[in-house]
């Protein structure tokens, strides 16, 4: 899951970033609303933590329903009412408990996922570990950063992410992606697998995502921990 922190206090950004990364999240940071908006337009984010971003929240709610938590020194009741009225999902006043913030983030992400219909889950964003795909835009991401893929490579990666941990033969992959009969052209599938590895693996020679199952084929199985 990718979380955006927008806060003008460097110490706060670093504290929250480190704490969330220790809990397995991918974290993006911004010093102000403009930086945050640029990130939100270009990258996939599952939850946003905003400091003083009423205007940013208005813009965000025109395009997205991701959970938003206000983490701010503006603790006046009217500020809370305004923030929640604009579409924030939670409001935490500074100073704050980092353990409580992490717990509330987890609760918001679980709630957001539960409220998605099966169609929205399948037709929108799908994720596997630090990899994600926006099926509507046909875009792939790693750690929130776009991955450059050709059309067949995108379809292959999508097929793997939709069926994690499942082993596929080269024939099955070819027929699923190329949608035609397989004529024992091992090289075609192997070349595209290699290109995907060059995009998603830290070291393509020691893949942590796309594993070769000797004598059978390939599967998506993350072993980076």
C-alpha atoms as a PDB file:
ATOM      1  CA  UNK A   1       0.000   0.000   0.000  1.00  0.00           C
ATOM      2  CA  UNK A   2       1.244   3.475  -0.905  1.00  0.00           C
ATOM      3  CA  UNK A   3       0.703   6.345   1.546  1.00  0.00           C
ATOM      4  CA  UNK A   4       1.299  10.038   0.884  1.00  0.00           C
ATOM      5  CA  UNK A   5       2.358  12.368   3.700  1.00  0.00           C
ATOM      6  CA  UNK A   6       1.968  16.101   3.051  1.00  0.00           C
ATOM      7  CA  UNK A   7       3.372  18.163   5.910  1.00  0.00           C
ATOM      8  CA  UNK A   8       5.602  21.243   5.998  1.00  0.00           C
ATOM      9  CA  UNK A   9       7.391  20.010   9.145  1.00  0.00           C
ATOM     10  CA  UNK A  10      10.384  17.910   8.169  1.00  0.00           C
ATOM     11  CA  UNK A  11      10.578  16.157  11.551  1.00  0.00           C
ATOM     12  CA  UNK A  12       6.932  15.109  11.348  1.00  0.00           C
ATOM     13  CA  UNK A  13       7.343  13.816   7.792  1.00  0.00           C
ATOM     14  CA  UNK A  14      10.395  11.771   8.727  1.00  0.00           C
ATOM     15  CA  UNK A  15       8.845  10.367  11.916  1.00  0.00           C
ATOM     16  CA  UNK A  16       5.670   9.244  10.169  1.00  0.00           C
ATOM     17  CA  UNK A  17       7.570   7.965   7.121  1.00  0.00           C
ATOM     18  CA  UNK A  18       9.927   5.796   9.187  1.00  0.00           C
ATOM     19  CA  UNK A  19       7.095   4.442  11.334  1.00  0.00           C
ATOM     20  CA  UNK A  20       4.929   3.540   8.339  1.00  0.00           C
ATOM     21  CA  UNK A  21       7.801   1.919   6.451  1.00  0.00           C
ATOM     22  CA  UNK A  22       8.504  -0.210   9.534  1.00  0.00           C
ATOM     23  CA  UNK A  23       4.894  -1.381   9.227  1.00  0.00           C
ATOM     24  CA  UNK A  24       5.339  -2.425   5.602  1.00  0.00           C
ATOM     25  CA  UNK A  25       3.913   0.607   3.784  1.00  0.00           C
ATOM     26  CA  UNK A  26       5.463   2.432   0.838  1.00  0.00           C
ATOM     27  CA  UNK A  27       5.636   6.136   1.704  1.00  0.00           C
ATOM     28  CA  UNK A  28       5.738   9.233  -0.510  1.00  0.00           C
ATOM     29  CA  UNK A  29       6.289  12.687   1.004  1.00  0.00           C
ATOM     30  CA  UNK A  30       5.478  16.269   0.067  1.00  0.00           C
ATOM     31  CA  UNK A  31       6.303  19.576   1.765  1.00  0.00           C
ATOM     32  CA  UNK A  32       3.194  21.398   0.578  1.00  0.00           C
ATOM     33  CA  UNK A  33      -0.088  21.053  -1.268  1.00  0.00           C
ATOM     34  CA  UNK A  34       1.393  21.670  -4.704  1.00  0.00           C
ATOM     35  CA  UNK A  35       3.948  18.882  -4.320  1.00  0.00           C
ATOM     36  CA  UNK A  36       1.253  16.600  -2.958  1.00  0.00           C
ATOM     37  CA  UNK A  37      -1.093  17.334  -5.864  1.00  0.00           C
ATOM     38  CA  UNK A  38       1.668  16.640  -8.392  1.00  0.00           C
ATOM     39  CA  UNK A  39       2.255  13.247  -6.767  1.00  0.00           C
ATOM     40  CA  UNK A  40      -1.440  12.427  -6.639  1.00  0.00           C
ATOM     41  CA  UNK A  41      -1.829  13.199 -10.346  1.00  0.00           C
ATOM     42  CA  UNK A  42       1.079  11.016 -11.421  1.00  0.00           C
ATOM     43  CA  UNK A  43       1.220   8.122  -8.997  1.00  0.00           C
ATOM     44  CA  UNK A  44      -1.045   5.610  -7.355  1.00  0.00           C
ATOM     45  CA  UNK A  45      -1.755   6.448  -3.705  1.00  0.00           C
ATOM     46  CA  UNK A  46      -3.978   4.401  -1.404  1.00  0.00           C
ATOM     47  CA  UNK A  47      -4.240   6.885   1.506  1.00  0.00           C
ATOM     48  CA  UNK A  48      -3.205  10.509   2.090  1.00  0.00           C
ATOM     49  CA  UNK A  49      -2.168  12.194   5.347  1.00  0.00           C
ATOM     50  CA  UNK A  50      -2.571  15.960   5.120  1.00  0.00           C
ATOM     51  CA  UNK A  51      -1.465  18.718   7.481  1.00  0.00           C
ATOM     52  CA  UNK A  52      -3.294  21.871   6.399  1.00  0.00           C
ATOM     53  CA  UNK A  53      -4.756  20.902   3.068  1.00  0.00           C
ATOM     54  CA  UNK A  54      -8.390  21.992   2.840  1.00  0.00           C
ATOM     55  CA  UNK A  55      -7.898  23.275  -0.713  1.00  0.00           C
ATOM     56  CA  UNK A  56      -6.000  20.140  -1.688  1.00  0.00           C
ATOM     57  CA  UNK A  57      -8.769  17.992  -0.236  1.00  0.00           C
ATOM     58  CA  UNK A  58     -11.369  19.838  -2.321  1.00  0.00           C
ATOM     59  CA  UNK A  59      -9.396  19.144  -5.504  1.00  0.00           C
ATOM     60  CA  UNK A  60      -8.718  15.545  -4.520  1.00  0.00           C
ATOM     61  CA  UNK A  61     -12.364  14.770  -3.863  1.00  0.00           C
ATOM     62  CA  UNK A  62     -13.229  15.851  -7.412  1.00  0.00           C
ATOM     63  CA  UNK A  63     -11.222  12.901  -8.712  1.00  0.00           C
ATOM     64  CA  UNK A  64     -10.669  10.339  -5.971  1.00  0.00           C
ATOM     65  CA  UNK A  65     -12.272   8.570  -3.007  1.00  0.00           C
ATOM     66  CA  UNK A  66      -9.047   7.390  -1.335  1.00  0.00           C
ATOM     67  CA  UNK A  67      -9.044   7.699   2.475  1.00  0.00           C
ATOM     68  CA  UNK A  68      -7.717  11.016   3.783  1.00  0.00           C
ATOM     69  CA  UNK A  69      -6.548  11.627   7.349  1.00  0.00           C
ATOM     70  CA  UNK A  70      -5.898  15.148   8.602  1.00  0.00           C
ATOM     71  CA  UNK A  71      -2.893  15.312  10.924  1.00  0.00           C
ATOM     72  CA  UNK A  72      -2.806  18.946  11.960  1.00  0.00           C
ATOM     73  CA  UNK A  73      -2.284  21.469  14.726  1.00  0.00           C
ATOM     74  CA  UNK A  74      -5.649  23.001  13.815  1.00  0.00           C
ATOM     75  CA  UNK A  75      -7.585  21.343  16.642  1.00  0.00           C
ATOM     76  CA  UNK A  76     -10.530  23.751  16.791  1.00  0.00           C
ATOM     77  CA  UNK A  77     -13.904  22.028  16.515  1.00  0.00           C
ATOM     78  CA  UNK A  78     -14.867  24.171  13.518  1.00  0.00           C
ATOM     79  CA  UNK A  79     -11.706  23.092  11.692  1.00  0.00           C
ATOM     80  CA  UNK A  80     -12.596  19.461  12.361  1.00  0.00           C
ATOM     81  CA  UNK A  81     -16.132  20.006  11.124  1.00  0.00           C
ATOM     82  CA  UNK A  82     -14.833  21.724   7.978  1.00  0.00           C
ATOM     83  CA  UNK A  83     -12.269  19.027   7.258  1.00  0.00           C
ATOM     84  CA  UNK A  84     -14.706  16.173   7.733  1.00  0.00           C
ATOM     85  CA  UNK A  85     -17.345  18.058   5.780  1.00  0.00           C
ATOM     86  CA  UNK A  86     -15.001  18.425   2.813  1.00  0.00           C
ATOM     87  CA  UNK A  87     -14.482  14.681   2.718  1.00  0.00           C
ATOM     88  CA  UNK A  88     -11.741  13.789   5.199  1.00  0.00           C
ATOM     89  CA  UNK A  89     -12.160  10.332   6.721  1.00  0.00           C
ATOM     90  CA  UNK A  90     -10.405  11.041  10.013  1.00  0.00           C
ATOM     91  CA  UNK A  91      -8.960  14.000  11.923  1.00  0.00           C
ATOM     92  CA  UNK A  92      -6.030  13.759  14.348  1.00  0.00           C
ATOM     93  CA  UNK A  93      -4.752  16.768  16.272  1.00  0.00           C
ATOM     94  CA  UNK A  94      -1.063  17.387  16.987  1.00  0.00           C
ATOM     95  CA  UNK A  95       0.671  16.404  19.208  1.00  0.00           C
ATOM     96  CA  UNK A  96      -0.298  12.844  18.375  1.00  0.00           C
ATOM     97  CA  UNK A  97       0.482   9.221  19.165  1.00  0.00           C
ATOM     98  CA  UNK A  98       2.318   7.518  16.300  1.00  0.00           C
ATOM     99  CA  UNK A  99       0.884   4.151  17.393  1.00  0.00           C
ATOM    100  CA  UNK A 100      -2.646   5.566  17.188  1.00  0.00           C
ATOM    101  CA  UNK A 101      -1.945   7.072  13.762  1.00  0.00           C
ATOM    102  CA  UNK A 102      -0.684   3.731  12.421  1.00  0.00           C
ATOM    103  CA  UNK A 103      -3.754   1.986  13.847  1.00  0.00           C
ATOM    104  CA  UNK A 104      -6.120   4.498  12.267  1.00  0.00           C
ATOM    105  CA  UNK A 105      -4.369   4.203   8.917  1.00  0.00           C
ATOM    106  CA  UNK A 106      -4.817   0.437   9.021  1.00  0.00           C
ATOM    107  CA  UNK A 107      -8.493   0.821   9.893  1.00  0.00           C
ATOM    108  CA  UNK A 108      -9.114   3.277   7.045  1.00  0.00           C
ATOM    109  CA  UNK A 109      -7.380   1.044   4.497  1.00  0.00           C
ATOM    110  CA  UNK A 110      -9.341  -2.012   5.621  1.00  0.00           C
ATOM    111  CA  UNK A 111     -12.595  -0.070   5.458  1.00  0.00           C
ATOM    112  CA  UNK A 112     -11.767   1.311   2.036  1.00  0.00           C
ATOM    113  CA  UNK A 113     -11.032  -2.160   0.684  1.00  0.00           C
ATOM    114  CA  UNK A 114     -14.170  -3.674   2.223  1.00  0.00           C
ATOM    115  CA  UNK A 115     -16.430  -1.017   0.709  1.00  0.00           C
ATOM    116  CA  UNK A 116     -15.193  -1.655  -2.829  1.00  0.00           C
ATOM    117  CA  UNK A 117     -17.567  -3.816  -4.800  1.00  0.00           C
ATOM    118  CA  UNK A 118     -16.120  -6.940  -6.484  1.00  0.00           C
ATOM    119  CA  UNK A 119     -16.399  -5.128  -9.827  1.00  0.00           C
ATOM    120  CA  UNK A 120     -14.479  -2.111  -8.526  1.00  0.00           C
ATOM    121  CA  UNK A 121     -11.796  -4.392  -7.153  1.00  0.00           C
ATOM    122  CA  UNK A 122     -11.374  -6.221 -10.400  1.00  0.00           C
ATOM    123  CA  UNK A 123     -11.799  -3.282 -12.767  1.00  0.00           C
ATOM    124  CA  UNK A 124      -9.820  -0.663 -10.855  1.00  0.00           C
ATOM    125  CA  UNK A 125      -6.540  -1.082  -9.026  1.00  0.00           C
ATOM    126  CA  UNK A 126      -4.956  -4.401  -8.176  1.00  0.00           C
ATOM    127  CA  UNK A 127      -1.790  -4.885  -6.155  1.00  0.00           C
ATOM    128  CA  UNK A 128       0.755  -7.528  -5.274  1.00  0.00           C
ATOM    129  CA  UNK A 129       3.314  -6.490  -2.671  1.00  0.00           C
ATOM    130  CA  UNK A 130       4.948  -3.298  -4.058  1.00  0.00           C
ATOM    131  CA  UNK A 131       3.579  -3.848  -7.565  1.00  0.00           C
ATOM    132  CA  UNK A 132       0.253  -2.398  -8.667  1.00  0.00           C
ATOM    133  CA  UNK A 133      -1.767  -1.930 -11.812  1.00  0.00           C
ATOM    134  CA  UNK A 134      -4.393   0.618 -12.786  1.00  0.00           C
ATOM    135  CA  UNK A 135      -6.468  -1.435 -15.206  1.00  0.00           C
ATOM    136  CA  UNK A 136      -8.499   1.524 -16.441  1.00  0.00           C
ATOM    137  CA  UNK A 137      -5.389   3.466 -17.477  1.00  0.00           C
ATOM    138  CA  UNK A 138      -3.348   0.358 -18.378  1.00  0.00           C
ATOM    139  CA  UNK A 139      -0.490   1.561 -16.178  1.00  0.00           C
ATOM    140  CA  UNK A 140       1.820  -0.451 -13.930  1.00  0.00           C
ATOM    141  CA  UNK A 141       3.665   0.823 -10.849  1.00  0.00           C
ATOM    142  CA  UNK A 142       6.375  -0.299  -8.454  1.00  0.00           C
ATOM    143  CA  UNK A 143       6.581   1.509  -5.110  1.00  0.00           C
ATOM    144  CA  UNK A 144       4.198   4.052  -6.602  1.00  0.00           C
ATOM    145  CA  UNK A 145       6.538   4.844  -9.495  1.00  0.00           C
ATOM    146  CA  UNK A 146       5.375   4.173 -13.075  1.00  0.00           C
ATOM    147  CA  UNK A 147       6.905   1.195 -14.875  1.00  0.00           C
ATOM    148  CA  UNK A 148       7.524   1.458 -18.612  1.00  0.00           C
ATOM    149  CA  UNK A 149       6.133  -1.667 -20.264  1.00  0.00           C
ATOM    150  CA  UNK A 150       5.194  -2.653 -23.783  1.00  0.00           C
ATOM    151  CA  UNK A 151       1.652  -3.842 -24.474  1.00  0.00           C
ATOM    152  CA  UNK A 152       2.441  -7.571 -24.222  1.00  0.00           C
ATOM    153  CA  UNK A 153       4.643  -7.052 -21.173  1.00  0.00           C
ATOM    154  CA  UNK A 154       1.821  -5.146 -19.472  1.00  0.00           C
ATOM    155  CA  UNK A 155      -0.641  -7.946 -20.253  1.00  0.00           C
ATOM    156  CA  UNK A 156       1.785 -10.559 -18.950  1.00  0.00           C
ATOM    157  CA  UNK A 157       2.368  -8.683 -15.684  1.00  0.00           C
ATOM    158  CA  UNK A 158      -1.373  -8.132 -15.297  1.00  0.00           C
ATOM    159  CA  UNK A 159      -1.984 -11.855 -15.803  1.00  0.00           C
ATOM    160  CA  UNK A 160       0.567 -12.711 -13.114  1.00  0.00           C
ATOM    161  CA  UNK A 161      -0.791 -10.166 -10.603  1.00  0.00           C
ATOM    162  CA  UNK A 162      -4.326 -11.398 -11.158  1.00  0.00           C
ATOM    163  CA  UNK A 163      -3.114 -14.937 -10.394  1.00  0.00           C
ATOM    164  CA  UNK A 164      -0.332 -14.611  -7.787  1.00  0.00           C
ATOM    165  CA  UNK A 165       1.497 -17.751  -6.655  1.00  0.00           C
ATOM    166  CA  UNK A 166       0.090 -19.745  -9.592  1.00  0.00           C
ATOM    167  CA  UNK A 167       2.515 -21.505 -11.932  1.00  0.00           C
ATOM    168  CA  UNK A 168       1.988 -20.981 -15.674  1.00  0.00           C
ATOM    169  CA  UNK A 169       3.603 -22.845 -18.534  1.00  0.00           C
ATOM    170  CA  UNK A 170       4.927 -20.876 -21.499  1.00  0.00           C
ATOM    171  CA  UNK A 171       2.055 -22.283 -23.546  1.00  0.00           C
ATOM    172  CA  UNK A 172      -0.540 -20.993 -21.046  1.00  0.00           C
ATOM    173  CA  UNK A 173       1.060 -17.545 -20.927  1.00  0.00           C
ATOM    174  CA  UNK A 174       1.278 -17.302 -24.692  1.00  0.00           C
ATOM    175  CA  UNK A 175      -2.341 -18.317 -25.205  1.00  0.00           C
ATOM    176  CA  UNK A 176      -3.558 -15.953 -22.448  1.00  0.00           C
ATOM    177  CA  UNK A 177      -1.665 -12.881 -23.685  1.00  0.00           C
ATOM    178  CA  UNK A 178      -1.249 -13.392 -27.417  1.00  0.00           C
ATOM    179  CA  UNK A 179      -4.689 -15.067 -27.655  1.00  0.00           C
ATOM    180  CA  UNK A 180      -3.599 -17.469 -30.352  1.00  0.00           C
ATOM    181  CA  UNK A 181      -2.298 -20.994 -30.635  1.00  0.00           C
ATOM    182  CA  UNK A 182       1.138 -21.679 -29.210  1.00  0.00           C
ATOM    183  CA  UNK A 183       3.626 -23.063 -31.714  1.00  0.00           C
ATOM    184  CA  UNK A 184       6.439 -23.924 -29.312  1.00  0.00           C
ATOM    185  CA  UNK A 185       7.959 -20.473 -29.614  1.00  0.00           C
ATOM    186  CA  UNK A 186       9.645 -20.442 -26.196  1.00  0.00           C
ATOM    187  CA  UNK A 187      11.760 -17.428 -27.107  1.00  0.00           C
ATOM    188  CA  UNK A 188       8.798 -15.042 -27.421  1.00  0.00           C
ATOM    189  CA  UNK A 189       7.624 -15.599 -23.850  1.00  0.00           C
ATOM    190  CA  UNK A 190      11.155 -15.691 -22.455  1.00  0.00           C
ATOM    191  CA  UNK A 191      12.094 -12.360 -24.058  1.00  0.00           C
ATOM    192  CA  UNK A 192       9.043 -10.633 -22.612  1.00  0.00           C
ATOM    193  CA  UNK A 193       9.616 -12.154 -19.166  1.00  0.00           C
ATOM    194  CA  UNK A 194      13.192 -10.835 -19.315  1.00  0.00           C
ATOM    195  CA  UNK A 195      11.967  -7.346 -20.189  1.00  0.00           C
ATOM    196  CA  UNK A 196       9.505  -7.369 -17.281  1.00  0.00           C
ATOM    197  CA  UNK A 197      12.252  -8.454 -14.907  1.00  0.00           C
ATOM    198  CA  UNK A 198      14.429  -5.577 -16.085  1.00  0.00           C
ATOM    199  CA  UNK A 199      11.638  -3.215 -15.008  1.00  0.00           C
ATOM    200  CA  UNK A 200      10.452  -4.710 -11.716  1.00  0.00           C
ATOM    201  CA  UNK A 201      13.461  -6.505 -10.246  1.00  0.00           C
ATOM    202  CA  UNK A 202      16.276  -4.834  -8.308  1.00  0.00           C
ATOM    203  CA  UNK A 203      18.579  -7.475  -9.804  1.00  0.00           C
ATOM    204  CA  UNK A 204      17.099  -9.285 -12.842  1.00  0.00           C
ATOM    205  CA  UNK A 205      19.662 -12.063 -12.363  1.00  0.00           C
ATOM    206  CA  UNK A 206      18.270 -12.734  -8.872  1.00  0.00           C
ATOM    207  CA  UNK A 207      14.523 -12.142  -9.309  1.00  0.00           C
ATOM    208  CA  UNK A 208      12.415 -11.578  -6.220  1.00  0.00           C
ATOM    209  CA  UNK A 209       9.080 -11.423  -8.040  1.00  0.00           C
ATOM    210  CA  UNK A 210       8.942 -13.450 -11.260  1.00  0.00           C
ATOM    211  CA  UNK A 211      10.314 -16.903 -10.501  1.00  0.00           C
ATOM    212  CA  UNK A 212      11.339 -19.518 -13.036  1.00  0.00           C
ATOM    213  CA  UNK A 213       9.985 -22.959 -12.162  1.00  0.00           C
ATOM    214  CA  UNK A 214      12.502 -25.199 -13.846  1.00  0.00           C
ATOM    215  CA  UNK A 215      10.998 -27.488 -16.463  1.00  0.00           C
ATOM    216  CA  UNK A 216       7.510 -25.973 -16.056  1.00  0.00           C
ATOM    217  CA  UNK A 217       7.263 -22.203 -16.492  1.00  0.00           C
ATOM    218  CA  UNK A 218       6.912 -19.115 -14.294  1.00  0.00           C
ATOM    219  CA  UNK A 219       5.021 -17.773 -11.311  1.00  0.00           C
ATOM    220  CA  UNK A 220       4.699 -14.501  -9.410  1.00  0.00           C
ATOM    221  CA  UNK A 221       6.015 -15.209  -5.924  1.00  0.00           C
ATOM    222  CA  UNK A 222       7.716 -12.513  -3.866  1.00  0.00           C
ATOM    223  CA  UNK A 223      10.727 -13.559  -1.780  1.00  0.00           C
ATOM    224  CA  UNK A 224      12.234 -10.192  -0.990  1.00  0.00           C
ATOM    225  CA  UNK A 225      11.653 -10.203   2.719  1.00  0.00           C
END
